[in-house]
Amino acid sequence: MTDPKHPRKTTPAPSAETGRRVLIKGQQTKTVIIDAALGLASQIGLEGLSIGAVAEVTGMSKSGVFAHFGSREELQISVIREYHDRFEAEVFYAAMQQPRGVPRLQALFDNWMVQTSAEIDSGCIYISGAVEFDDRTGPVRDALARSVATWQTALRRAVELAQIEGQLSLESDAHQIQFEIHGLILALHYEARFLRDPSASERARRGFLHILDRYASNAQAASDPQDLVVKP
């Protein structure tokens, strides 16, 4: 029993403010880890990621990194989500300022070109990840495939809006147009990154204009297809 003259000391419960600070610090630490992991994955690929490698880059202990993710697979998926969020902000949302139709479609392509050009020396998670996980199954491949499919759907929707606006032919296949535009980016990445062709970017831009010309509506085909292109 407790002596009434000497009551037992109790430890005060953590305040809500203390808990909030701990939560914010934890989120900030996780953000630092993901940022470092994304930079690492851009250089060595998703498959090269490990708890130990990220711990070494961040100067943290392996247990400290593990406490935030729990597994290498969870770390890889977090990197894919972060890459997708950044890609969406820089390529997709930035293009939404343009009018729907060809101007927006062209802005999407231009932004994608800028993104791809910036990744020539590092690498694109979507492209390198597809090479690493194309013949595999599992949550990492699923997360990567969902991100790519989400972007392709957005690109195809931009094509469909250009058709609705009467700028691209309604008789053309939106999926085919999206496929061809995607092919230009893949070719650009291969030619510029692997073959170091300095003309790759210009060829990709010309290819995009050829696509607009080939699939233009009858009314638009009668005018200059570049009239709709947003001038820099």
C-alpha atoms as a PDB file:
ATOM      1  CA  MET A   1       0.000   0.000   0.000  1.00  0.00           C
ATOM      2  CA  THR A   2       1.081   3.604  -0.572  1.00  0.00           C
ATOM      3  CA  ASP A   3       2.120   5.591   2.456  1.00  0.00           C
ATOM      4  CA  PRO A   4      -0.312   8.558   2.620  1.00  0.00           C
ATOM      5  CA  LYS A   5       2.525  10.753   3.889  1.00  0.00           C
ATOM      6  CA  HIS A   6       4.584   9.934   0.796  1.00  0.00           C
ATOM      7  CA  PRO A   7       2.230   9.673  -2.172  1.00  0.00           C
ATOM      8  CA  ARG A   8       3.557   7.869  -5.252  1.00  0.00           C
ATOM      9  CA  LYS A   9       4.802  10.180  -7.982  1.00  0.00           C
ATOM     10  CA  THR A  10       3.058   9.829 -11.322  1.00  0.00           C
ATOM     11  CA  THR A  11       4.450  10.630 -14.746  1.00  0.00           C
ATOM     12  CA  PRO A  12       2.284  13.207 -16.511  1.00  0.00           C
ATOM     13  CA  ALA A  13       0.632  11.981 -19.705  1.00  0.00           C
ATOM     14  CA  PRO A  14       2.041  13.423 -22.925  1.00  0.00           C
ATOM     15  CA  SER A  15       0.137  16.495 -24.012  1.00  0.00           C
ATOM     16  CA  ALA A  16      -1.659  16.718 -27.333  1.00  0.00           C
ATOM     17  CA  GLU A  17       0.913  19.270 -28.473  1.00  0.00           C
ATOM     18  CA  THR A  18       3.780  16.873 -27.710  1.00  0.00           C
ATOM     19  CA  GLY A  19       2.039  14.127 -29.657  1.00  0.00           C
ATOM     20  CA  ARG A  20       1.516  16.456 -32.605  1.00  0.00           C
ATOM     21  CA  ARG A  21       5.195  17.409 -32.661  1.00  0.00           C
ATOM     22  CA  VAL A  22       6.245  13.762 -32.600  1.00  0.00           C
ATOM     23  CA  LEU A  23       3.872  13.026 -35.492  1.00  0.00           C
ATOM     24  CA  ILE A  24       5.168  15.954 -37.567  1.00  0.00           C
ATOM     25  CA  LYS A  25       8.776  14.953 -36.924  1.00  0.00           C
ATOM     26  CA  GLY A  26       7.967  11.401 -37.976  1.00  0.00           C
ATOM     27  CA  GLN A  27       6.337  12.613 -41.195  1.00  0.00           C
ATOM     28  CA  GLN A  28       9.293  14.878 -41.958  1.00  0.00           C
ATOM     29  CA  THR A  29      11.725  12.018 -41.424  1.00  0.00           C
ATOM     30  CA  LYS A  30       9.683   9.762 -43.703  1.00  0.00           C
ATOM     31  CA  THR A  31       9.651  12.468 -46.374  1.00  0.00           C
ATOM     32  CA  VAL A  32      13.445  12.738 -46.204  1.00  0.00           C
ATOM     33  CA  ILE A  33      13.755   8.962 -46.546  1.00  0.00           C
ATOM     34  CA  ILE A  34      11.407   8.787 -49.551  1.00  0.00           C
ATOM     35  CA  ASP A  35      13.184  11.675 -51.261  1.00  0.00           C
ATOM     36  CA  ALA A  36      16.552   9.968 -50.804  1.00  0.00           C
ATOM     37  CA  ALA A  37      15.120   6.634 -51.927  1.00  0.00           C
ATOM     38  CA  LEU A  38      13.642   8.210 -55.068  1.00  0.00           C
ATOM     39  CA  GLY A  39      16.982   9.756 -55.960  1.00  0.00           C
ATOM     40  CA  LEU A  40      18.658   6.408 -55.413  1.00  0.00           C
ATOM     41  CA  ALA A  41      16.054   4.517 -57.476  1.00  0.00           C
ATOM     42  CA  SER A  42      16.528   6.985 -60.341  1.00  0.00           C
ATOM     43  CA  GLN A  43      20.195   6.016 -60.448  1.00  0.00           C
ATOM     44  CA  ILE A  44      20.157   2.274 -59.697  1.00  0.00           C
ATOM     45  CA  GLY A  45      16.541   1.287 -60.305  1.00  0.00           C
ATOM     46  CA  LEU A  46      13.768   0.148 -58.000  1.00  0.00           C
ATOM     47  CA  GLU A  47      15.333  -3.286 -57.750  1.00  0.00           C
ATOM     48  CA  GLY A  48      18.512  -1.755 -56.372  1.00  0.00           C
ATOM     49  CA  LEU A  49      16.675  -0.177 -53.446  1.00  0.00           C
ATOM     50  CA  SER A  50      17.240  -1.655 -50.014  1.00  0.00           C
ATOM     51  CA  ILE A  51      16.739  -0.573 -46.421  1.00  0.00           C
ATOM     52  CA  GLY A  52      20.513  -0.642 -45.956  1.00  0.00           C
ATOM     53  CA  ALA A  53      21.266   1.461 -49.043  1.00  0.00           C
ATOM     54  CA  VAL A  54      18.761   4.136 -48.046  1.00  0.00           C
ATOM     55  CA  ALA A  55      20.052   4.127 -44.467  1.00  0.00           C
ATOM     56  CA  GLU A  56      23.568   4.748 -45.761  1.00  0.00           C
ATOM     57  CA  VAL A  57      22.458   7.625 -48.022  1.00  0.00           C
ATOM     58  CA  THR A  58      20.427   9.330 -45.286  1.00  0.00           C
ATOM     59  CA  GLY A  59      22.896   8.661 -42.492  1.00  0.00           C
ATOM     60  CA  MET A  60      20.238   6.827 -40.508  1.00  0.00           C
ATOM     61  CA  SER A  61      20.343   3.415 -38.936  1.00  0.00           C
ATOM     62  CA  LYS A  62      18.723   0.466 -40.711  1.00  0.00           C
ATOM     63  CA  SER A  63      16.294   0.092 -37.832  1.00  0.00           C
ATOM     64  CA  GLY A  64      15.360   3.773 -38.157  1.00  0.00           C
ATOM     65  CA  VAL A  65      14.477   3.363 -41.840  1.00  0.00           C
ATOM     66  CA  PHE A  66      12.741   0.054 -41.176  1.00  0.00           C
ATOM     67  CA  ALA A  67      10.556   1.665 -38.514  1.00  0.00           C
ATOM     68  CA  HIS A  68       9.004   3.924 -41.175  1.00  0.00           C
ATOM     69  CA  PHE A  69       8.414   1.290 -43.875  1.00  0.00           C
ATOM     70  CA  GLY A  70       8.680  -2.176 -42.426  1.00  0.00           C
ATOM     71  CA  SER A  71       9.904  -3.844 -45.603  1.00  0.00           C
ATOM     72  CA  ARG A  72      11.859  -3.254 -48.790  1.00  0.00           C
ATOM     73  CA  GLU A  73       8.677  -3.806 -50.804  1.00  0.00           C
ATOM     74  CA  GLU A  74       6.827  -1.088 -48.921  1.00  0.00           C
ATOM     75  CA  LEU A  75       9.748   1.269 -49.523  1.00  0.00           C
ATOM     76  CA  GLN A  76       9.667   0.546 -53.266  1.00  0.00           C
ATOM     77  CA  ILE A  77       5.911   1.169 -53.447  1.00  0.00           C
ATOM     78  CA  SER A  78       6.290   4.445 -51.534  1.00  0.00           C
ATOM     79  CA  VAL A  79       8.909   5.570 -54.054  1.00  0.00           C
ATOM     80  CA  ILE A  80       6.567   4.747 -56.956  1.00  0.00           C
ATOM     81  CA  ARG A  81       3.772   6.771 -55.342  1.00  0.00           C
ATOM     82  CA  GLU A  82       6.071   9.723 -54.740  1.00  0.00           C
ATOM     83  CA  TYR A  83       7.335   9.632 -58.315  1.00  0.00           C
ATOM     84  CA  HIS A  84       3.753   9.505 -59.599  1.00  0.00           C
ATOM     85  CA  ASP A  85       2.726  12.476 -57.423  1.00  0.00           C
ATOM     86  CA  ARG A  86       5.621  14.571 -58.740  1.00  0.00           C
ATOM     87  CA  PHE A  87       5.021  13.497 -62.333  1.00  0.00           C
ATOM     88  CA  GLU A  88       1.335  14.357 -61.998  1.00  0.00           C
ATOM     89  CA  ALA A  89       2.100  17.820 -60.605  1.00  0.00           C
ATOM     90  CA  GLU A  90       4.775  18.713 -63.163  1.00  0.00           C
ATOM     91  CA  VAL A  91       3.240  17.160 -66.274  1.00  0.00           C
ATOM     92  CA  PHE A  92      -0.518  16.813 -65.824  1.00  0.00           C
ATOM     93  CA  TYR A  93      -1.709  19.596 -63.520  1.00  0.00           C
ATOM     94  CA  ALA A  94       0.576  22.165 -65.119  1.00  0.00           C
ATOM     95  CA  ALA A  95      -1.114  21.461 -68.478  1.00  0.00           C
ATOM     96  CA  MET A  96      -4.615  22.013 -67.077  1.00  0.00           C
ATOM     97  CA  GLN A  97      -4.056  25.777 -67.406  1.00  0.00           C
ATOM     98  CA  GLN A  98      -4.340  25.414 -71.183  1.00  0.00           C
ATOM     99  CA  PRO A  99      -7.708  25.308 -73.009  1.00  0.00           C
ATOM    100  CA  ARG A 100      -9.089  21.816 -73.500  1.00  0.00           C
ATOM    101  CA  GLY A 101      -8.329  20.267 -76.848  1.00  0.00           C
ATOM    102  CA  VAL A 102      -5.083  20.349 -78.819  1.00  0.00           C
ATOM    103  CA  PRO A 103      -3.534  23.192 -76.746  1.00  0.00           C
ATOM    104  CA  ARG A 104      -3.879  21.082 -73.585  1.00  0.00           C
ATOM    105  CA  LEU A 105      -2.730  17.921 -75.346  1.00  0.00           C
ATOM    106  CA  GLN A 106       0.317  19.745 -76.620  1.00  0.00           C
ATOM    107  CA  ALA A 107       1.048  21.131 -73.140  1.00  0.00           C
ATOM    108  CA  LEU A 108       0.918  17.590 -71.751  1.00  0.00           C
ATOM    109  CA  PHE A 109       3.374  16.451 -74.399  1.00  0.00           C
ATOM    110  CA  ASP A 110       5.676  19.440 -73.884  1.00  0.00           C
ATOM    111  CA  ASN A 111       5.705  18.949 -70.112  1.00  0.00           C
ATOM    112  CA  TRP A 112       6.386  15.257 -70.610  1.00  0.00           C
ATOM    113  CA  MET A 113       9.251  16.149 -72.932  1.00  0.00           C
ATOM    114  CA  VAL A 114      10.746  18.450 -70.287  1.00  0.00           C
ATOM    115  CA  GLN A 115      10.397  15.714 -67.669  1.00  0.00           C
ATOM    116  CA  THR A 116      12.010  13.123 -69.927  1.00  0.00           C
ATOM    117  CA  SER A 117      14.865  15.445 -70.912  1.00  0.00           C
ATOM    118  CA  ALA A 118      15.566  16.152 -67.240  1.00  0.00           C
ATOM    119  CA  GLU A 119      15.773  12.411 -66.588  1.00  0.00           C
ATOM    120  CA  ILE A 120      18.229  11.618 -69.378  1.00  0.00           C
ATOM    121  CA  ASP A 121      21.162  11.461 -66.955  1.00  0.00           C
ATOM    122  CA  SER A 122      19.268   9.814 -64.123  1.00  0.00           C
ATOM    123  CA  GLY A 123      16.481   7.680 -65.519  1.00  0.00           C
ATOM    124  CA  CYS A 124      12.699   7.461 -65.597  1.00  0.00           C
ATOM    125  CA  ILE A 125      11.092   5.280 -62.935  1.00  0.00           C
ATOM    126  CA  TYR A 126       8.221   4.418 -65.292  1.00  0.00           C
ATOM    127  CA  ILE A 127      10.573   3.237 -68.048  1.00  0.00           C
ATOM    128  CA  SER A 128      13.323   1.605 -65.986  1.00  0.00           C
ATOM    129  CA  GLY A 129      10.714   0.083 -63.667  1.00  0.00           C
ATOM    130  CA  ALA A 130       8.905  -1.496 -66.617  1.00  0.00           C
ATOM    131  CA  VAL A 131      12.157  -3.139 -67.716  1.00  0.00           C
ATOM    132  CA  GLU A 132      12.787  -4.447 -64.201  1.00  0.00           C
ATOM    133  CA  PHE A 133       9.277  -5.709 -63.446  1.00  0.00           C
ATOM    134  CA  ASP A 134       7.726  -6.538 -66.831  1.00  0.00           C
ATOM    135  CA  ASP A 135       8.047 -10.303 -66.269  1.00  0.00           C
ATOM    136  CA  ARG A 136       7.265 -10.330 -62.563  1.00  0.00           C
ATOM    137  CA  THR A 137       4.195 -10.399 -60.381  1.00  0.00           C
ATOM    138  CA  GLY A 138       3.512  -8.804 -57.025  1.00  0.00           C
ATOM    139  CA  PRO A 139       2.561  -5.542 -55.302  1.00  0.00           C
ATOM    140  CA  VAL A 140       5.513  -3.502 -56.636  1.00  0.00           C
ATOM    141  CA  ARG A 141       4.727  -4.325 -60.254  1.00  0.00           C
ATOM    142  CA  ASP A 142       1.016  -3.707 -59.604  1.00  0.00           C
ATOM    143  CA  ALA A 143       1.708  -0.266 -58.090  1.00  0.00           C
ATOM    144  CA  LEU A 144       3.943   0.676 -61.012  1.00  0.00           C
ATOM    145  CA  ALA A 145       1.454  -0.560 -63.616  1.00  0.00           C
ATOM    146  CA  ARG A 146      -1.402   1.347 -61.954  1.00  0.00           C
ATOM    147  CA  SER A 147       0.581   4.586 -62.020  1.00  0.00           C
ATOM    148  CA  VAL A 148       1.437   4.209 -65.701  1.00  0.00           C
ATOM    149  CA  ALA A 149      -2.147   3.233 -66.563  1.00  0.00           C
ATOM    150  CA  THR A 150      -3.476   6.288 -64.707  1.00  0.00           C
ATOM    151  CA  TRP A 151      -1.241   8.574 -66.764  1.00  0.00           C
ATOM    152  CA  GLN A 152      -2.155   6.860 -70.036  1.00  0.00           C
ATOM    153  CA  THR A 153      -5.844   7.251 -69.211  1.00  0.00           C
ATOM    154  CA  ALA A 154      -5.349  10.980 -68.583  1.00  0.00           C
ATOM    155  CA  LEU A 155      -3.492  11.342 -71.884  1.00  0.00           C
ATOM    156  CA  ARG A 156      -6.207   9.462 -73.756  1.00  0.00           C
ATOM    157  CA  ARG A 157      -8.848  11.685 -72.173  1.00  0.00           C
ATOM    158  CA  ALA A 158      -6.978  14.748 -73.452  1.00  0.00           C
ATOM    159  CA  VAL A 159      -7.109  13.243 -76.942  1.00  0.00           C
ATOM    160  CA  GLU A 160     -10.855  12.617 -76.595  1.00  0.00           C
ATOM    161  CA  LEU A 161     -11.414  16.237 -75.554  1.00  0.00           C
ATOM    162  CA  ALA A 162      -9.555  17.373 -78.676  1.00  0.00           C
ATOM    163  CA  GLN A 163     -11.946  15.212 -80.681  1.00  0.00           C
ATOM    164  CA  ILE A 164     -14.963  16.714 -78.910  1.00  0.00           C
ATOM    165  CA  GLU A 165     -13.607  20.194 -79.636  1.00  0.00           C
ATOM    166  CA  GLY A 166     -13.532  19.306 -83.341  1.00  0.00           C
ATOM    167  CA  GLN A 167      -9.737  19.553 -83.596  1.00  0.00           C
ATOM    168  CA  LEU A 168      -9.023  15.845 -84.026  1.00  0.00           C
ATOM    169  CA  SER A 169     -11.158  13.516 -86.105  1.00  0.00           C
ATOM    170  CA  LEU A 170     -13.987  11.785 -84.257  1.00  0.00           C
ATOM    171  CA  GLU A 171     -13.437   8.793 -86.525  1.00  0.00           C
ATOM    172  CA  SER A 172      -9.888   8.310 -85.258  1.00  0.00           C
ATOM    173  CA  ASP A 173      -9.061   5.920 -82.418  1.00  0.00           C
ATOM    174  CA  ALA A 174      -8.134   7.915 -79.281  1.00  0.00           C
ATOM    175  CA  HIS A 175      -6.307   4.919 -77.859  1.00  0.00           C
ATOM    176  CA  GLN A 176      -4.194   4.678 -81.018  1.00  0.00           C
ATOM    177  CA  ILE A 177      -3.283   8.363 -80.839  1.00  0.00           C
ATOM    178  CA  GLN A 178      -2.323   8.034 -77.182  1.00  0.00           C
ATOM    179  CA  PHE A 179      -0.269   4.946 -78.068  1.00  0.00           C
ATOM    180  CA  GLU A 180       1.654   6.823 -80.744  1.00  0.00           C
ATOM    181  CA  ILE A 181       2.353   9.803 -78.480  1.00  0.00           C
ATOM    182  CA  HIS A 182       3.609   7.453 -75.781  1.00  0.00           C
ATOM    183  CA  GLY A 183       5.817   5.813 -78.394  1.00  0.00           C
ATOM    184  CA  LEU A 184       7.467   9.162 -79.156  1.00  0.00           C
ATOM    185  CA  ILE A 185       8.483   9.574 -75.514  1.00  0.00           C
ATOM    186  CA  LEU A 186       9.861   6.046 -75.332  1.00  0.00           C
ATOM    187  CA  ALA A 187      11.862   6.658 -78.519  1.00  0.00           C
ATOM    188  CA  LEU A 188      13.113   9.994 -77.168  1.00  0.00           C
ATOM    189  CA  HIS A 189      14.322   8.368 -73.959  1.00  0.00           C
ATOM    190  CA  TYR A 190      16.087   5.566 -75.841  1.00  0.00           C
ATOM    191  CA  GLU A 191      17.680   7.785 -78.487  1.00  0.00           C
ATOM    192  CA  ALA A 192      18.768  10.531 -76.076  1.00  0.00           C
ATOM    193  CA  ARG A 193      19.815   8.398 -73.089  1.00  0.00           C
ATOM    194  CA  PHE A 194      21.294   5.326 -74.775  1.00  0.00           C
ATOM    195  CA  LEU A 195      22.430   6.605 -78.190  1.00  0.00           C
ATOM    196  CA  ARG A 196      23.118  10.182 -77.041  1.00  0.00           C
ATOM    197  CA  ASP A 197      21.478  11.574 -80.162  1.00  0.00           C
ATOM    198  CA  PRO A 198      21.319  15.395 -79.801  1.00  0.00           C
ATOM    199  CA  SER A 199      18.529  15.598 -82.394  1.00  0.00           C
ATOM    200  CA  ALA A 200      16.183  13.280 -80.464  1.00  0.00           C
ATOM    201  CA  SER A 201      14.138  16.054 -78.845  1.00  0.00           C
ATOM    202  CA  GLU A 202      13.533  17.863 -82.130  1.00  0.00           C
ATOM    203  CA  ARG A 203      12.553  14.612 -83.829  1.00  0.00           C
ATOM    204  CA  ALA A 204      10.055  13.887 -81.057  1.00  0.00           C
ATOM    205  CA  ARG A 205       8.497  17.338 -81.450  1.00  0.00           C
ATOM    206  CA  ARG A 206       8.197  16.885 -85.205  1.00  0.00           C
ATOM    207  CA  GLY A 207       6.669  13.476 -84.627  1.00  0.00           C
ATOM    208  CA  PHE A 208       4.008  15.019 -82.398  1.00  0.00           C
ATOM    209  CA  LEU A 209       3.102  17.581 -85.085  1.00  0.00           C
ATOM    210  CA  HIS A 210       2.847  14.774 -87.629  1.00  0.00           C
ATOM    211  CA  ILE A 211       0.385  12.998 -85.344  1.00  0.00           C
ATOM    212  CA  LEU A 212      -1.744  16.144 -85.046  1.00  0.00           C
ATOM    213  CA  ASP A 213      -1.675  16.572 -88.815  1.00  0.00           C
ATOM    214  CA  ARG A 214      -2.526  12.932 -89.532  1.00  0.00           C
ATOM    215  CA  TYR A 215      -5.491  12.779 -87.165  1.00  0.00           C
ATOM    216  CA  ALA A 216      -6.804  16.322 -87.660  1.00  0.00           C
ATOM    217  CA  SER A 217     -10.526  16.725 -88.299  1.00  0.00           C
ATOM    218  CA  ASN A 218     -11.596  17.672 -91.824  1.00  0.00           C
ATOM    219  CA  ALA A 219     -12.246  21.252 -90.752  1.00  0.00           C
ATOM    220  CA  GLN A 220      -8.898  21.556 -89.008  1.00  0.00           C
ATOM    221  CA  ALA A 221      -7.043  19.819 -91.831  1.00  0.00           C
ATOM    222  CA  ALA A 222      -8.139  22.613 -94.163  1.00  0.00           C
ATOM    223  CA  SER A 223      -6.177  25.098 -92.026  1.00  0.00           C
ATOM    224  CA  ASP A 224      -2.650  25.057 -90.687  1.00  0.00           C
ATOM    225  CA  PRO A 225      -2.475  22.365 -87.924  1.00  0.00           C
ATOM    226  CA  GLN A 226       0.124  24.473 -86.105  1.00  0.00           C
ATOM    227  CA  ASP A 227      -2.458  27.231 -85.559  1.00  0.00           C
ATOM    228  CA  LEU A 228      -3.568  25.332 -82.462  1.00  0.00           C
ATOM    229  CA  VAL A 229      -0.075  24.735 -81.131  1.00  0.00           C
ATOM    230  CA  VAL A 230       0.813  26.882 -78.164  1.00  0.00           C
ATOM    231  CA  LYS A 231       3.808  29.008 -79.006  1.00  0.00           C
ATOM    232  CA  PRO A 232       6.535  29.126 -76.317  1.00  0.00           C
END
